[in-house]
Amino acid sequence: MLEQRSAADDQWVTGPLEAPLGRGINFQIEVPALQPILDRLAEADWPLFMAPEDAWYRAGEVEAGPSDSS
């Protein structure tokens, strides 16, 4: 996965943004239902760095995203 470098507050910064780059991280976890997990985290007053999101990516004419079974 390639991601544009920016100063946005919603980016995981895992190391100094200096050459050589490539120290980023991306987690994708598949679960049958997300809401029960979010409810339990809220009950435990466990903070999330950022809200969960569906991310779709285009490669030419093809879109890939969370419901892609490949």
C-alpha atoms as a PDB file:
ATOM      1  CA  MET A   1       0.000   0.000   0.000  1.00  0.00           C
ATOM      2  CA  LEU A   2       1.297   3.444  -0.870  1.00  0.00           C
ATOM      3  CA  GLU A   3       0.068   6.458   1.053  1.00  0.00           C
ATOM      4  CA  GLN A   4       0.799  10.112   0.452  1.00  0.00           C
ATOM      5  CA  ARG A   5       2.872  11.735   3.137  1.00  0.00           C
ATOM      6  CA  SER A   6       1.068  14.575   4.946  1.00  0.00           C
ATOM      7  CA  ALA A   7       0.921  16.345   8.275  1.00  0.00           C
ATOM      8  CA  ALA A   8      -2.650  15.162   8.919  1.00  0.00           C
ATOM      9  CA  ASP A   9      -3.459  14.248  12.515  1.00  0.00           C
ATOM     10  CA  ASP A  10      -5.060  10.981  11.403  1.00  0.00           C
ATOM     11  CA  GLN A  11      -1.872   9.318  10.168  1.00  0.00           C
ATOM     12  CA  TRP A  12       0.054   6.696  12.080  1.00  0.00           C
ATOM     13  CA  VAL A  13       3.593   8.006  12.466  1.00  0.00           C
ATOM     14  CA  THR A  14       5.820   5.009  13.229  1.00  0.00           C
ATOM     15  CA  GLY A  15       9.146   6.759  12.725  1.00  0.00           C
ATOM     16  CA  PRO A  16      10.715  10.009  11.602  1.00  0.00           C
ATOM     17  CA  LEU A  17       9.568  11.093   8.124  1.00  0.00           C
ATOM     18  CA  GLU A  18      13.053  11.058   6.645  1.00  0.00           C
ATOM     19  CA  ALA A  19      14.803   8.905   4.059  1.00  0.00           C
ATOM     20  CA  PRO A  20      14.685   5.997   3.769  1.00  0.00           C
ATOM     21  CA  LEU A  21      10.902   5.958   4.042  1.00  0.00           C
ATOM     22  CA  GLY A  22       8.830   2.786   4.221  1.00  0.00           C
ATOM     23  CA  ARG A  23       8.349   2.332   7.945  1.00  0.00           C
ATOM     24  CA  GLY A  24       4.558   2.738   7.768  1.00  0.00           C
ATOM     25  CA  ILE A  25       2.036   0.174   8.884  1.00  0.00           C
ATOM     26  CA  ASN A  26      -1.458  -0.777   7.778  1.00  0.00           C
ATOM     27  CA  PHE A  27      -3.742  -3.209   9.618  1.00  0.00           C
ATOM     28  CA  GLN A  28      -6.730  -4.869   8.018  1.00  0.00           C
ATOM     29  CA  ILE A  29      -8.789  -7.154  10.216  1.00  0.00           C
ATOM     30  CA  GLU A  30     -11.863  -8.994   8.961  1.00  0.00           C
ATOM     31  CA  VAL A  31     -14.634  -9.657  11.485  1.00  0.00           C
ATOM     32  CA  PRO A  32     -18.197 -10.911  11.009  1.00  0.00           C
ATOM     33  CA  ALA A  33     -19.663  -7.767  12.661  1.00  0.00           C
ATOM     34  CA  LEU A  34     -17.853  -4.601  13.729  1.00  0.00           C
ATOM     35  CA  GLN A  35     -20.515  -2.917  15.869  1.00  0.00           C
ATOM     36  CA  PRO A  36     -20.367  -5.405  18.790  1.00  0.00           C
ATOM     37  CA  ILE A  37     -16.612  -4.817  19.019  1.00  0.00           C
ATOM     38  CA  LEU A  38     -17.052  -1.043  18.968  1.00  0.00           C
ATOM     39  CA  ASP A  39     -19.749  -1.323  21.645  1.00  0.00           C
ATOM     40  CA  ARG A  40     -17.462  -3.346  23.939  1.00  0.00           C
ATOM     41  CA  LEU A  41     -14.600  -0.897  23.455  1.00  0.00           C
ATOM     42  CA  ALA A  42     -16.930   1.999  24.316  1.00  0.00           C
ATOM     43  CA  GLU A  43     -18.184   0.146  27.431  1.00  0.00           C
ATOM     44  CA  ALA A  44     -14.554  -0.298  28.518  1.00  0.00           C
ATOM     45  CA  ASP A  45     -13.869   3.395  27.789  1.00  0.00           C
ATOM     46  CA  TRP A  46     -11.103   2.286  25.400  1.00  0.00           C
ATOM     47  CA  PRO A  47     -10.106   5.085  23.009  1.00  0.00           C
ATOM     48  CA  LEU A  48      -9.554   4.520  19.296  1.00  0.00           C
ATOM     49  CA  PHE A  49      -6.835   6.452  17.466  1.00  0.00           C
ATOM     50  CA  MET A  50      -9.271   6.968  14.611  1.00  0.00           C
ATOM     51  CA  ALA A  51     -12.686   5.656  13.653  1.00  0.00           C
ATOM     52  CA  PRO A  52     -12.891   2.487  11.550  1.00  0.00           C
ATOM     53  CA  GLU A  53     -13.429   3.116   7.860  1.00  0.00           C
ATOM     54  CA  ASP A  54     -14.012   1.297   4.602  1.00  0.00           C
ATOM     55  CA  ALA A  55     -11.211   2.135   2.186  1.00  0.00           C
ATOM     56  CA  TRP A  56     -11.608   1.436  -1.527  1.00  0.00           C
ATOM     57  CA  TYR A  57      -8.763   1.601  -4.012  1.00  0.00           C
ATOM     58  CA  ARG A  58      -8.784   1.852  -7.785  1.00  0.00           C
ATOM     59  CA  ALA A  59      -6.221   0.129  -9.979  1.00  0.00           C
ATOM     60  CA  GLY A  60      -7.076   1.003 -13.570  1.00  0.00           C
ATOM     61  CA  GLU A  61     -10.692  -0.048 -14.074  1.00  0.00           C
ATOM     62  CA  VAL A  62     -10.816  -2.281 -10.976  1.00  0.00           C
ATOM     63  CA  GLU A  63     -11.939  -1.206  -7.496  1.00  0.00           C
ATOM     64  CA  ALA A  64     -10.945  -3.242  -4.460  1.00  0.00           C
ATOM     65  CA  GLY A  65     -12.346  -2.830  -0.980  1.00  0.00           C
ATOM     66  CA  PRO A  66     -13.574  -4.552   2.170  1.00  0.00           C
ATOM     67  CA  SER A  67     -16.256  -6.641   0.481  1.00  0.00           C
ATOM     68  CA  ASP A  68     -13.795  -7.925  -2.122  1.00  0.00           C
ATOM     69  CA  SER A  69     -13.525 -11.704  -1.636  1.00  0.00           C
ATOM     70  CA  SER A  70     -10.167 -12.093  -3.373  1.00  0.00           C
END
